[in-house]
Amino acid sequence: MNRIKLIQVIGIVFLSLSGLGCTDEGAIHKSDKTQDTGVSPGHLRCEYRENALGIDVVNPRLSWFLKSERRSDVQGAYQILVAAGEETLEQDKGDLWNSGKVKSDQSNQVVYKGKTLKSRMRCYWKVRVWDKDGRVSAWSEPAMWTVGLLNPKDWQAKWIGYDAEPDAPYVDKEKTDQLSLASIKWIWFDEGEPAKNAPIGTRFFRRAVEIGSDKAIKRAIFRLMADNEAILFVNGHQAGKATGWQNEQILDITENLAVGENILAMAVANLGDAANPAGLAGKLLIEFEDGQTIAISTDNSWKASKAEQNNWQKPDFDDDTWPGAKEIAQMGDSPWGQPAQTGLVLPPPPYLRKSFFVYKPVKRAVVYASALGLYELQINGKRVGQDYFTPGWTDYTKRVYYQAYDVTNLLTQSGNAIGAILADGWYTGYLGFGRKREHYGSEPRLLVQLEIEYPDGTTQTIVTDESWKASYGPLFESDFLMGETYDGRKEAADWCSYWFDASNWQPVAVTDRIEAKIESYPGVTVRKIMDINAKEITEPKEGAYVFDMGQNFAGWVRLKASGEAGTKIV
C-alpha cells in the first residue's frame, strides 16, 4: 500500500521563572503615576497560553515577560486588573479582580484571586509593574482568557462514531481471504504423534514453487508460525525466521523469488528437555502485476526429513527420497488453537457531519471538541483552528482533553454544516513497540458542542448526537506509526457544506457517556511552524526519488504531481 508517513510535531514551551516576593494587598497610592520607566510588561499568558480559550482552572495562573533598556533592572511590584468586559478594562477597572499594588518580583504563575469564575465566562486582563526605583510602567496591552465547561452537566453532547465494516475498495476482501490461515494445516515429519509428543530436535522441509516466464511478481508475503523455531530459505538463501506459535511472523520474500522453479526450504526446531508438541504452519501468497495470485500452504505436498543433509536447502538438491510431511492438525485445533492477530489493522477514518440553520446574526459562537482518538473539525468546509493531533495524548482511562475555538466568523446567517474526520490516534491506533494497537479502546468517538449566542440574548446549541451522519472518504488508512493512504478519486470537496447530498450516509454509533473526566487541554498544542523546501532531488533508480530536505525535522509531505487517475505515489 502507498503510505505517506505522518510524524508527530513536538512543541516545547520555555518558561521564565522568577523568585517570589512579599505581597501588599493595599490600594495603590494616588501619587503613583505612570512614568517613563525602563521596565515594562508584555507577552501576557494565562496557564502558559496567550489569549487562552476554554481554561477550566478556577484559579488560573497569570504570567508576563519583562522588558527594559537598563541593565540589572528588576520588577519591584505589580498590579493586575481582571474585568468581565473590554470596556470596563479600558477604564482601568477590575470588576473581577484588582490585585492592588503587590510588592513582588514574581512575574510567572501569579495565581488569580478574584471573584469565582463560572463556565463560559470571558475574562479580560492587563498588568503594570514598578521597577526597582519605584517608578510605575504603563499598562500592558490587554489580554484575555475564557473559562471552559467546568461542570459535567455543561456537556449536552454525546460521543459518536462510525463502527460499520468498510466495504471495498477500503478492504480487499479477496486478498484478505487468500491470506487467511483459517484452512491451513500444521505439518511435521511423520514420527508418532507430533501434536502431542514429538522428539526434541530439528526437522527439515522443502517445497517447489513454479513461476511462469510470462509472470511479473508484484509482491510475495509468507505468513509463518512454528513450534518452536523455523528458519526459512528461498533458493538457498536465508529469507527470515519465525519463533513461537502464539504469534505469526510476516515475511516479505518478493526479492527472493524468480521466474522458473523456486525452492522453499525450512529448518524447524522442537526445543525443550523432553518430548512435546511440534509443528509448522504457514501460507505464501504471491501476487502478480496482472492481478493473478498463487497461494502455497503447508500440507502433505511439502517434503520432510529427520536428518540434515549437505546442501539440503539448495535448489539443485535431490529430495526424491524425502517422504511427504504429515498433516497433524487443522489451524485452530489443539494444542495450538487460534493464532493471535498480528496482521496490520488499519481501518479507514470515518467522516461525520450535520447540517443546521442560523436564522439571525451571530454575536459569538464557540465550539468545544474532544475525541477518543484524533479529530479534525470543519465548519462550512473550513478547518477549525490551527492545531494538529487534537485533542492530545493522555491516559484515556482517567481523563480526556478538549479544545475550545471561537468560530463566530465561520458561521453564516443561512444553512451551515459542521463535520469532523475521526482517526484512531493514540486511543485505538498502533502505539509503542510490538505492532500492538487498541491500548485504551477499540472504537474511536467524537464529542462536539457548538454554542451560538445571538445579540438578543438567545442561544442555540448544536451537539453530537443521533442526528449526525457518517461515511468513509478518501482516507483509506491513517495511523501514527503505519502511515496514511489517500485516494483522491474518492474526494468530495464539499462534504462539509450545507448543500452536500448526504442521503447515502449512514447513522452514527452513539455512546452516551464515558467514565474518564473531560478536561481542557493544559498546554500548547502541536502546530505547523514552517515550510521546508527540498535542497536536492535525486533519482537513484528509475521512478524512485530521494528528496534531501537539508535538515532533520518532524512534519509531513506536501507533493504536487500529475498523472492518470489511479496512479500510485508511494
Protein backbone atom coordinates (compact mmCIF):
# COMPACT_ATOMS: atom_id res chain seq x y z
CA MET A 1 0.00 0.00 0.00
CA ASN A 2 1.21 3.52 -0.62
CA ARG A 3 1.73 5.39 2.56
CA ILE A 4 2.93 8.83 3.44
CA LYS A 5 4.36 8.88 6.94
CA LEU A 6 2.72 11.25 9.30
CA ILE A 7 5.13 12.20 12.03
CA GLN A 8 4.17 13.98 15.19
CA VAL A 9 5.50 17.52 15.70
CA ILE A 10 6.59 18.20 19.27
CA GLY A 11 6.20 21.69 20.70
CA ILE A 12 8.41 22.82 23.60
CA VAL A 13 7.48 25.66 25.91
CA PHE A 14 10.23 27.58 27.65
CA LEU A 15 9.15 29.28 30.86
CA SER A 16 10.74 32.29 32.52
CA LEU A 17 10.83 31.68 36.25
CA SER A 18 11.45 34.32 38.87
CA GLY A 19 11.54 34.30 42.63
CA LEU A 20 8.66 35.04 44.93
CA GLY A 21 8.42 38.22 46.94
CA CYS A 22 6.25 39.76 49.63
CA THR A 23 2.67 40.83 48.94
CA ASP A 24 0.96 44.10 49.75
CA GLU A 25 -2.80 43.89 49.23
CA GLY A 26 -3.27 47.61 49.94
CA ALA A 27 -4.56 50.13 47.46
CA ILE A 28 -2.32 51.99 45.03
CA HIS A 29 -1.16 55.37 46.28
CA LYS A 30 -2.60 58.21 44.25
CA SER A 31 0.91 59.64 43.94
CA ASP A 32 1.94 56.62 41.81
CA LYS A 33 1.75 58.00 38.30
CA THR A 34 2.78 56.36 35.04
CA GLN A 35 6.38 57.30 34.33
CA ASP A 36 8.89 56.61 31.61
CA THR A 37 10.30 53.62 33.41
CA GLY A 38 12.77 51.20 31.91
CA VAL A 39 10.86 48.04 32.80
CA SER A 40 7.55 47.16 31.11
CA PRO A 41 5.36 44.03 30.95
CA GLY A 42 4.31 42.17 27.79
CA HIS A 43 3.54 38.76 26.29
CA LEU A 44 0.73 38.07 28.77
CA ARG A 45 -0.24 34.40 29.28
CA CYS A 46 -2.88 32.56 31.22
CA GLU A 47 -1.98 28.95 32.07
CA TYR A 48 1.03 29.27 29.72
CA ARG A 49 -1.13 30.29 26.72
CA GLU A 50 -1.80 33.63 25.01
CA ASN A 51 -5.49 34.58 24.91
CA ALA A 52 -6.36 31.07 26.01
CA LEU A 53 -9.82 29.68 25.28
CA GLY A 54 -11.60 27.13 27.43
CA ILE A 55 -9.46 27.27 30.58
CA ASP A 56 -11.01 25.02 33.24
CA VAL A 57 -8.73 26.03 36.12
CA VAL A 58 -10.85 28.02 38.58
CA ASN A 59 -7.80 29.91 39.87
CA PRO A 60 -5.63 30.18 36.76
CA ARG A 61 -2.02 31.33 36.84
CA LEU A 62 -1.06 34.55 35.06
CA SER A 63 2.38 35.32 33.64
CA TRP A 64 4.13 38.06 31.70
CA PHE A 65 7.54 38.92 30.29
CA LEU A 66 9.54 41.97 31.36
CA LYS A 67 11.45 44.27 29.04
CA SER A 68 13.89 47.01 29.99
CA GLU A 69 16.56 49.11 28.33
CA ARG A 70 18.56 49.22 31.57
CA ARG A 71 20.96 46.57 32.76
CA SER A 72 20.19 44.74 36.01
CA ASP A 73 16.67 46.14 36.13
CA VAL A 74 14.09 44.19 38.13
CA GLN A 75 10.41 44.30 38.91
CA GLY A 76 9.67 45.65 42.36
CA ALA A 77 5.88 45.35 42.33
CA TYR A 78 2.92 44.63 40.06
CA GLN A 79 -0.79 45.31 39.76
CA ILE A 80 -3.26 43.10 37.85
CA LEU A 81 -6.74 44.08 36.69
CA VAL A 82 -9.23 41.45 35.51
CA ALA A 83 -12.60 42.53 34.09
CA ALA A 84 -15.67 40.80 32.65
CA GLY A 85 -15.78 43.23 29.72
CA GLU A 86 -13.34 45.04 27.45
CA GLU A 87 -14.95 48.43 28.14
CA THR A 88 -14.54 48.01 31.90
CA LEU A 89 -10.86 47.13 31.49
CA GLU A 90 -10.30 50.15 29.24
CA GLN A 91 -11.49 52.31 32.15
CA ASP A 92 -8.74 50.78 34.33
CA LYS A 93 -11.30 48.92 36.44
CA GLY A 94 -11.16 45.30 37.51
CA ASP A 95 -14.65 44.15 38.41
CA LEU A 96 -13.45 40.54 38.69
CA TRP A 97 -10.12 41.23 40.39
CA ASN A 98 -7.96 44.20 41.27
CA SER A 99 -4.84 42.84 42.89
CA GLY A 100 -3.75 46.22 44.18
CA LYS A 101 -0.07 47.01 44.28
CA VAL A 102 1.75 43.81 45.20
CA LYS A 103 5.37 44.19 46.23
CA SER A 104 6.95 41.22 44.48
CA ASP A 105 9.34 40.39 41.68
CA GLN A 106 7.12 37.47 40.66
CA SER A 107 6.06 37.63 37.02
CA ASN A 108 5.33 33.97 36.41
CA GLN A 109 2.37 31.87 37.61
CA VAL A 110 0.70 34.55 39.68
CA VAL A 111 -2.48 32.89 40.93
CA TYR A 112 -5.79 34.61 40.18
CA LYS A 113 -7.52 35.56 43.46
CA GLY A 114 -10.60 37.36 42.23
CA LYS A 115 -14.29 36.51 42.05
CA THR A 116 -15.33 32.91 41.48
CA LEU A 117 -15.14 32.01 37.80
CA LYS A 118 -18.01 30.21 36.10
CA SER A 119 -18.35 28.23 32.87
CA ARG A 120 -18.15 30.22 29.63
CA MET A 121 -17.02 33.50 31.29
CA ARG A 122 -14.79 35.86 29.32
CA CYS A 123 -12.02 37.47 31.34
CA TYR A 124 -10.02 40.48 30.11
CA TRP A 125 -6.84 41.46 31.94
CA LYS A 126 -3.77 43.64 31.96
CA VAL A 127 -0.85 44.32 34.25
CA ARG A 128 1.53 47.12 35.13
CA VAL A 129 4.75 46.95 37.11
CA TRP A 130 7.06 49.07 39.23
CA ASP A 131 10.81 48.98 38.72
CA LYS A 132 13.46 48.75 41.42
CA ASP A 133 13.34 52.54 41.90
CA GLY A 134 9.57 52.57 42.43
CA ARG A 135 8.64 54.01 39.05
CA VAL A 136 5.46 52.59 37.54
CA SER A 137 5.09 51.48 33.94
CA ALA A 138 2.21 51.98 31.55
CA TRP A 139 -0.45 49.29 31.48
CA SER A 140 0.37 46.35 29.25
CA GLU A 141 -1.60 45.59 26.13
CA PRO A 142 -4.79 43.80 27.21
CA ALA A 143 -5.13 40.03 27.01
CA MET A 144 -7.99 37.67 27.68
CA TRP A 145 -8.98 34.12 28.54
CA THR A 146 -12.27 32.28 28.50
CA VAL A 147 -13.49 29.76 31.03
CA GLY A 148 -14.31 26.30 29.70
CA LEU A 149 -17.04 23.89 30.73
CA LEU A 150 -16.38 23.39 34.44
CA ASN A 151 -19.34 21.16 35.29
CA PRO A 152 -20.00 17.76 33.65
CA LYS A 153 -23.63 18.87 33.29
CA ASP A 154 -22.47 21.65 30.96
CA TRP A 155 -21.92 18.97 28.32
CA GLN A 156 -25.06 18.21 26.30
CA ALA A 157 -23.19 16.41 23.52
CA LYS A 158 -22.90 12.65 23.15
CA TRP A 159 -19.92 10.62 22.00
CA ILE A 160 -20.42 9.48 18.39
CA GLY A 161 -18.52 7.36 15.89
CA TYR A 162 -18.96 5.02 12.94
CA ASP A 163 -18.44 1.31 13.56
CA ALA A 164 -19.69 -0.10 10.22
CA GLU A 165 -17.39 -2.56 8.49
CA PRO A 166 -15.83 -0.82 5.47
CA ASP A 167 -16.60 -2.34 2.08
CA ALA A 168 -14.44 -2.49 -1.00
CA PRO A 169 -12.33 -0.65 -2.01
CA TYR A 170 -11.34 0.12 1.60
CA VAL A 171 -10.81 -3.59 2.29
CA ASP A 172 -9.55 -6.00 -0.34
CA LYS A 173 -11.69 -8.89 0.89
CA GLU A 174 -10.43 -11.29 -1.76
CA LYS A 175 -6.80 -10.70 -0.79
CA THR A 176 -7.67 -10.92 2.92
CA ASP A 177 -9.36 -14.29 2.35
CA GLN A 178 -6.41 -15.56 0.32
CA LEU A 179 -4.01 -14.73 3.15
CA SER A 180 -6.26 -16.20 5.83
CA LEU A 181 -4.77 -19.03 7.89
CA ALA A 182 -8.19 -20.48 8.65
CA SER A 183 -7.91 -23.56 6.42
CA ILE A 184 -4.21 -24.37 6.58
CA LYS A 185 -2.67 -27.44 8.20
CA TRP A 186 0.00 -27.92 10.81
CA ILE A 187 2.64 -30.33 9.48
CA TRP A 188 5.62 -32.28 10.82
CA PHE A 189 7.87 -35.19 10.00
CA ASP A 190 5.91 -38.47 10.24
CA GLU A 191 7.00 -39.81 13.62
CA GLY A 192 4.42 -40.89 16.20
CA GLU A 193 2.03 -38.14 17.30
CA PRO A 194 3.89 -34.85 16.81
CA ALA A 195 0.91 -32.79 18.01
CA LYS A 196 1.33 -34.43 21.42
CA ASN A 197 4.93 -35.53 21.94
CA ALA A 198 7.42 -35.02 19.12
CA PRO A 199 11.07 -35.81 19.89
CA ILE A 200 13.41 -32.92 20.62
CA GLY A 201 15.42 -31.92 17.57
CA THR A 202 15.32 -30.24 14.16
CA ARG A 203 13.33 -31.40 11.14
CA PHE A 204 13.72 -30.23 7.53
CA PHE A 205 11.08 -29.32 4.95
CA ARG A 206 11.10 -28.44 1.22
CA ARG A 207 8.57 -27.30 -1.38
CA ALA A 208 8.95 -26.32 -5.05
CA VAL A 209 7.07 -23.32 -6.47
CA GLU A 210 6.91 -22.75 -10.24
CA ILE A 211 6.52 -19.21 -11.59
CA GLY A 212 5.78 -18.85 -15.31
CA SER A 213 8.08 -16.88 -17.56
CA ASP A 214 5.22 -14.58 -18.51
CA LYS A 215 4.64 -13.51 -14.89
CA ALA A 216 5.94 -10.38 -13.17
CA ILE A 217 5.97 -10.64 -9.38
CA LYS A 218 4.35 -7.72 -7.59
CA ARG A 219 4.63 -8.97 -4.02
CA ALA A 220 5.17 -12.21 -2.10
CA ILE A 221 4.18 -12.45 1.57
CA PHE A 222 4.76 -15.52 3.76
CA ARG A 223 2.73 -15.83 6.98
CA LEU A 224 4.61 -18.33 9.12
CA MET A 225 4.22 -19.98 12.54
CA ALA A 226 6.44 -22.59 14.17
CA ASP A 227 6.59 -24.60 17.37
CA ASN A 228 9.28 -23.72 18.35
CA GLU A 229 11.63 -22.09 15.80
CA ALA A 230 11.91 -22.02 11.99
CA ILE A 231 14.49 -20.66 9.56
CA LEU A 232 13.25 -20.05 6.02
CA PHE A 233 15.48 -20.40 2.96
CA VAL A 234 14.40 -19.34 -0.53
CA ASN A 235 16.52 -20.69 -3.36
CA GLY A 236 19.33 -21.45 -0.93
CA HIS A 237 19.42 -18.05 0.74
CA GLN A 238 18.11 -17.35 4.23
CA ALA A 239 14.97 -15.22 3.96
CA GLY A 240 13.67 -14.96 7.52
CA LYS A 241 12.87 -16.60 10.84
CA ALA A 242 9.79 -17.44 12.89
CA THR A 243 9.76 -18.06 16.64
CA GLY A 244 6.83 -19.30 18.67
CA TRP A 245 3.35 -20.45 17.76
CA GLN A 246 1.39 -17.78 19.62
CA ASN A 247 2.15 -15.12 17.00
CA GLU A 248 2.71 -15.44 13.29
CA GLN A 249 5.71 -13.94 11.51
CA ILE A 250 5.02 -12.00 8.30
CA LEU A 251 7.93 -12.25 5.86
CA ASP A 252 8.25 -10.33 2.61
CA ILE A 253 10.17 -12.59 0.19
CA THR A 254 9.40 -10.70 -3.01
CA GLU A 255 13.07 -10.12 -3.78
CA ASN A 256 13.95 -13.78 -3.14
CA LEU A 257 11.73 -15.28 -5.85
CA ALA A 258 12.42 -15.50 -9.57
CA VAL A 259 10.83 -16.76 -12.77
CA GLY A 260 11.06 -20.56 -13.08
CA GLU A 261 11.33 -23.09 -10.28
CA ASN A 262 11.84 -21.79 -6.76
CA ILE A 263 12.64 -23.87 -3.68
CA LEU A 264 11.24 -23.07 -0.24
CA ALA A 265 13.21 -24.85 2.48
CA MET A 266 12.83 -24.69 6.27
CA ALA A 267 14.73 -25.99 9.27
CA VAL A 268 12.28 -26.25 12.18
CA ALA A 269 13.46 -26.99 15.73
CA ASN A 270 11.44 -28.54 18.56
CA LEU A 271 13.04 -27.29 21.78
CA GLY A 272 12.81 -28.43 25.36
CA ASP A 273 14.07 -31.07 27.80
CA ALA A 274 11.53 -33.74 26.86
CA ALA A 275 9.19 -34.66 24.03
CA ASN A 276 6.48 -32.03 23.45
CA PRO A 277 4.20 -30.81 20.63
CA ALA A 278 5.95 -29.64 17.44
CA GLY A 279 4.60 -28.23 14.21
CA LEU A 280 4.96 -25.89 11.25
CA ALA A 281 2.16 -23.83 9.68
CA GLY A 282 2.09 -21.05 7.12
CA LYS A 283 0.88 -19.64 3.84
CA LEU A 284 2.70 -17.92 0.99
CA LEU A 285 0.71 -15.55 -1.23
CA ILE A 286 2.38 -14.42 -4.46
CA GLU A 287 0.72 -11.50 -6.26
CA PHE A 288 1.47 -10.76 -9.92
CA GLU A 289 1.23 -7.48 -11.80
CA ASP A 290 -1.64 -8.87 -13.92
CA GLY A 291 -3.75 -9.29 -10.78
CA GLN A 292 -3.46 -13.09 -10.55
CA THR A 293 -2.16 -14.85 -7.41
CA ILE A 294 -0.64 -18.12 -6.26
CA ALA A 295 -1.21 -19.39 -2.70
CA ILE A 296 1.05 -22.04 -1.18
CA SER A 297 0.05 -23.52 2.20
CA THR A 298 1.68 -26.05 4.49
CA ASP A 299 0.22 -29.52 3.75
CA ASN A 300 1.36 -33.01 2.77
CA SER A 301 2.75 -31.69 -0.55
CA TRP A 302 5.78 -30.50 1.39
CA LYS A 303 8.61 -32.99 1.75
CA ALA A 304 10.20 -33.70 5.14
CA SER A 305 13.36 -35.20 6.55
CA LYS A 306 14.55 -36.17 10.01
CA ALA A 307 18.21 -35.71 9.20
CA GLU A 308 20.13 -32.73 7.85
CA GLN A 309 21.93 -33.44 4.58
CA ASN A 310 24.54 -31.45 2.72
CA ASN A 311 23.07 -28.59 0.67
CA TRP A 312 19.54 -29.66 1.60
CA GLN A 313 18.31 -26.05 1.24
CA LYS A 314 19.79 -25.53 -2.25
CA PRO A 315 17.66 -25.62 -5.42
CA ASP A 316 19.69 -28.44 -7.03
CA PHE A 317 19.36 -30.80 -4.02
CA ASP A 318 17.63 -34.10 -4.88
CA ASP A 319 14.78 -34.64 -2.40
CA ASP A 320 13.15 -37.60 -4.21
CA THR A 321 13.83 -39.87 -1.22
CA TRP A 322 12.17 -37.49 1.26
CA PRO A 323 8.66 -38.57 2.28
CA GLY A 324 5.71 -36.21 2.33
CA ALA A 325 5.09 -34.23 5.51
CA LYS A 326 2.40 -35.42 7.91
CA GLU A 327 -0.66 -33.22 8.40
CA ILE A 328 -1.08 -33.27 12.19
CA ALA A 329 -3.75 -30.63 12.90
CA GLN A 330 -6.04 -28.02 11.37
CA MET A 331 -5.41 -24.36 12.22
CA GLY A 332 -7.35 -23.70 15.42
CA ASP A 333 -7.12 -27.27 16.71
CA SER A 334 -5.42 -28.33 19.93
CA PRO A 335 -2.77 -27.87 21.18
CA TRP A 336 -2.13 -24.55 19.41
CA GLY A 337 -5.59 -23.06 18.97
CA GLN A 338 -6.21 -19.85 17.04
CA PRO A 339 -3.22 -17.58 16.42
CA ALA A 340 -3.13 -14.06 17.85
CA GLN A 341 -3.93 -11.22 15.44
CA THR A 342 -0.66 -9.88 14.07
CA GLY A 343 -1.62 -8.63 10.63
CA LEU A 344 -1.91 -4.87 10.34
CA VAL A 345 -5.36 -3.50 11.13
CA LEU A 346 -5.76 -0.09 9.50
CA PRO A 347 -9.44 0.89 9.31
CA PRO A 348 -10.39 4.00 7.33
CA PRO A 349 -11.19 7.09 9.42
CA PRO A 350 -14.90 7.97 9.29
CA TYR A 351 -16.22 11.33 8.14
CA LEU A 352 -19.02 12.70 10.39
CA ARG A 353 -21.34 15.62 9.61
CA LYS A 354 -24.51 17.54 10.48
CA SER A 355 -26.41 20.39 8.79
CA PHE A 356 -28.16 23.17 10.70
CA PHE A 357 -29.66 26.62 10.09
CA VAL A 358 -28.84 30.01 11.62
CA TYR A 359 -31.77 32.42 11.30
CA LYS A 360 -30.27 35.68 12.61
CA PRO A 361 -26.94 37.47 13.02
CA VAL A 362 -24.45 35.81 15.36
CA LYS A 363 -22.90 37.69 18.27
CA ARG A 364 -20.49 34.94 19.25
CA ALA A 365 -20.01 31.20 18.58
CA VAL A 366 -17.70 28.86 20.48
CA VAL A 367 -17.19 25.18 19.75
CA TYR A 368 -15.89 22.67 22.29
CA ALA A 369 -14.43 19.49 20.78
CA SER A 370 -12.86 16.28 22.03
CA ALA A 371 -12.27 12.74 20.83
CA LEU A 372 -11.31 9.25 21.84
CA GLY A 373 -8.77 9.25 19.04
CA LEU A 374 -7.92 12.28 16.88
CA TYR A 375 -10.28 14.77 15.29
CA GLU A 376 -10.05 17.40 12.57
CA LEU A 377 -13.04 19.73 12.76
CA GLN A 378 -14.58 21.73 9.91
CA ILE A 379 -17.40 24.25 9.65
CA ASN A 380 -18.77 25.06 6.19
CA GLY A 381 -15.72 23.42 4.60
CA LYS A 382 -13.16 25.46 6.54
CA ARG A 383 -10.77 23.93 9.04
CA VAL A 384 -11.38 24.94 12.67
CA GLY A 385 -8.21 26.14 14.42
CA GLN A 386 -4.56 25.62 13.60
CA ASP A 387 -3.92 22.67 15.92
CA TYR A 388 -2.93 19.15 14.92
CA PHE A 389 -3.28 15.77 16.66
CA THR A 390 -6.10 17.09 18.80
CA PRO A 391 -7.24 16.63 21.48
CA GLY A 392 -3.78 15.32 22.56
CA TRP A 393 -2.40 12.20 24.21
CA THR A 394 -3.44 11.30 27.74
CA ASP A 395 -4.32 8.32 29.91
CA TYR A 396 -7.81 7.86 28.48
CA THR A 397 -8.85 5.71 31.43
CA LYS A 398 -8.55 8.78 33.68
CA ARG A 399 -9.07 11.89 31.55
CA VAL A 400 -9.85 13.05 28.02
CA TYR A 401 -8.85 16.51 26.78
CA TYR A 402 -10.93 19.01 24.83
CA GLN A 403 -10.25 22.27 22.97
CA ALA A 404 -12.35 25.44 22.62
CA TYR A 405 -12.41 27.58 19.47
CA ASP A 406 -14.10 30.86 18.61
CA VAL A 407 -15.86 30.11 15.31
CA THR A 408 -18.03 33.22 15.02
CA ASN A 409 -16.57 34.12 11.63
CA LEU A 410 -17.15 30.63 10.19
CA LEU A 411 -20.94 30.71 10.52
CA THR A 412 -23.38 32.24 8.05
CA GLN A 413 -26.90 33.54 8.56
CA SER A 414 -28.32 30.68 6.49
CA GLY A 415 -27.61 26.96 6.12
CA ASN A 416 -24.45 25.67 7.80
CA ALA A 417 -22.67 22.36 8.19
CA ILE A 418 -20.28 21.06 10.84
CA GLY A 419 -18.17 17.96 10.34
CA ALA A 420 -15.11 16.07 11.53
CA ILE A 421 -12.67 13.41 10.43
CA LEU A 422 -12.13 10.91 13.26
CA ALA A 423 -8.92 8.87 13.33
CA ASP A 424 -7.56 6.15 15.66
CA GLY A 425 -4.71 8.23 17.11
CA TRP A 426 -3.20 7.13 20.41
CA TYR A 427 -6.53 5.80 21.64
CA THR A 428 -7.02 2.92 19.20
CA GLY A 429 -4.07 3.03 16.81
CA TYR A 430 -0.62 1.47 16.93
CA LEU A 431 1.47 2.71 19.83
CA GLY A 432 4.99 1.87 21.02
CA PHE A 433 6.79 -1.30 20.08
CA GLY A 434 5.43 -4.72 19.21
CA ARG A 435 2.90 -3.79 16.46
CA LYS A 436 0.09 -3.54 19.03
CA ARG A 437 -3.00 -1.35 18.91
CA GLU A 438 -6.14 -0.69 20.96
CA HIS A 439 -4.20 0.13 24.13
CA TYR A 440 -7.09 2.19 25.51
CA GLY A 441 -10.12 1.20 23.45
CA SER A 442 -11.35 -0.18 20.14
CA GLU A 443 -13.96 2.35 18.98
CA PRO A 444 -12.94 5.99 18.29
CA ARG A 445 -15.51 8.57 19.36
CA LEU A 446 -16.11 12.29 18.75
CA LEU A 447 -17.60 14.87 21.14
CA VAL A 448 -18.58 18.31 19.78
CA GLN A 449 -20.68 21.09 21.31
CA LEU A 450 -21.22 24.30 19.32
CA GLU A 451 -22.76 27.14 21.33
CA ILE A 452 -24.15 30.11 19.39
CA GLU A 453 -25.04 33.39 21.12
CA TYR A 454 -27.29 36.00 19.48
CA PRO A 455 -27.42 39.77 20.15
CA ASP A 456 -30.90 39.46 21.68
CA GLY A 457 -29.55 37.12 24.39
CA THR A 458 -30.95 33.89 22.95
CA THR A 459 -28.72 30.89 22.26
CA GLN A 460 -28.59 27.85 20.01
CA THR A 461 -26.61 24.68 20.72
CA ILE A 462 -25.51 22.09 18.15
CA VAL A 463 -24.19 18.84 19.63
CA THR A 464 -23.01 15.43 18.51
CA ASP A 465 -25.93 13.03 18.82
CA GLU A 466 -28.08 10.58 16.84
CA SER A 467 -28.87 13.24 14.22
CA TRP A 468 -25.37 13.15 12.74
CA LYS A 469 -24.49 11.05 9.68
CA ALA A 470 -21.31 9.17 8.79
CA SER A 471 -19.44 7.68 5.87
CA TYR A 472 -15.92 6.75 4.78
CA GLY A 473 -13.98 9.08 2.49
CA PRO A 474 -10.69 9.36 0.59
CA LEU A 475 -8.59 8.40 3.62
CA PHE A 476 -8.16 4.62 3.38
CA GLU A 477 -5.66 4.36 6.24
CA SER A 478 -4.37 6.86 8.81
CA ASP A 479 -2.09 5.81 11.65
CA PHE A 480 0.76 7.48 13.54
CA LEU A 481 3.19 4.60 13.07
CA MET A 482 1.89 2.84 9.96
CA GLY A 483 1.27 5.90 7.83
CA GLU A 484 -1.53 7.16 5.64
CA THR A 485 -3.15 6.12 2.36
CA TYR A 486 -5.24 8.67 0.48
CA ASP A 487 -7.25 8.05 -2.69
CA GLY A 488 -8.01 11.34 -4.41
CA ARG A 489 -10.64 9.64 -6.60
CA LYS A 490 -12.96 9.41 -3.60
CA GLU A 491 -12.52 13.01 -2.55
CA ALA A 492 -15.70 15.07 -2.06
CA ALA A 493 -14.56 18.66 -1.61
CA ASP A 494 -17.97 19.85 -0.39
CA TRP A 495 -18.67 17.05 2.11
CA CYS A 496 -18.88 19.65 4.91
CA SER A 497 -21.20 22.10 3.16
CA TYR A 498 -24.88 22.65 3.89
CA TRP A 499 -25.92 21.69 0.34
CA PHE A 500 -23.99 18.41 0.23
CA ASP A 501 -26.19 15.39 -0.54
CA ALA A 502 -25.64 13.05 2.41
CA SER A 503 -28.65 10.85 1.68
CA ASN A 504 -26.37 7.83 1.25
CA TRP A 505 -24.55 8.45 4.51
CA GLN A 506 -25.38 6.22 7.45
CA PRO A 507 -26.49 6.83 11.08
CA VAL A 508 -23.69 7.23 13.60
CA ALA A 509 -23.00 4.99 16.58
CA VAL A 510 -23.71 6.76 19.88
CA THR A 511 -22.15 6.39 23.33
CA ASP A 512 -23.94 8.49 25.94
CA ARG A 513 -21.06 8.84 28.39
CA ILE A 514 -17.59 7.66 29.35
CA GLU A 515 -16.00 7.11 32.75
CA ALA A 516 -12.97 9.36 32.22
CA LYS A 517 -13.04 13.02 33.24
CA ILE A 518 -13.23 15.59 30.42
CA GLU A 519 -10.62 18.32 30.90
CA SER A 520 -9.37 21.31 28.92
CA TYR A 521 -6.03 20.62 27.23
CA PRO A 522 -3.43 22.01 29.66
CA GLY A 523 -0.63 23.03 27.34
CA VAL A 524 0.43 24.36 23.96
CA THR A 525 -0.89 22.30 21.05
CA VAL A 526 1.03 20.98 18.05
CA ARG A 527 1.05 23.44 15.16
CA LYS A 528 2.72 23.90 11.80
CA ILE A 529 5.58 26.35 12.23
CA MET A 530 7.29 26.49 8.84
CA ASP A 531 7.62 25.07 5.33
CA ILE A 532 10.86 23.42 4.21
CA ASN A 533 11.74 23.02 0.55
CA ALA A 534 13.92 20.20 -0.73
CA LYS A 535 17.57 21.17 -1.14
CA GLU A 536 18.25 18.41 -3.65
CA ILE A 537 16.23 15.84 -5.58
CA THR A 538 17.93 12.72 -6.93
CA GLU A 539 16.70 9.64 -8.80
CA PRO A 540 18.89 6.67 -7.72
CA LYS A 541 16.78 4.33 -9.85
CA GLU A 542 14.05 4.88 -12.39
CA GLY A 543 10.82 6.02 -10.78
CA ALA A 544 12.33 6.32 -7.29
CA TYR A 545 13.21 9.78 -5.97
CA VAL A 546 15.10 10.97 -2.90
CA PHE A 547 14.28 14.42 -1.50
CA ASP A 548 17.08 15.88 0.61
CA MET A 549 15.46 18.42 2.94
CA GLY A 550 18.79 19.60 4.33
CA GLN A 551 17.88 19.10 8.00
CA ASN A 552 16.14 16.85 10.48
CA PHE A 553 12.53 17.75 11.17
CA ALA A 554 9.17 16.41 12.20
CA GLY A 555 6.37 17.02 9.75
CA TRP A 556 4.68 15.70 6.64
CA VAL A 557 4.98 15.88 2.88
CA ARG A 558 3.21 18.26 0.52
CA LEU A 559 3.63 16.97 -3.01
CA LYS A 560 2.30 18.15 -6.37
CA ALA A 561 2.03 15.52 -9.06
CA SER A 562 0.15 14.86 -12.28
CA GLY A 563 -0.83 11.60 -13.92
CA GLU A 564 -3.67 9.28 -14.79
CA ALA A 565 -6.37 8.58 -12.22
CA GLY A 566 -5.41 5.62 -10.05
CA THR A 567 -1.64 6.20 -10.32
CA LYS A 568 0.02 5.37 -7.01
CA ILE A 569 2.63 7.58 -5.38
CA VAL A 570 4.45 5.87 -2.52
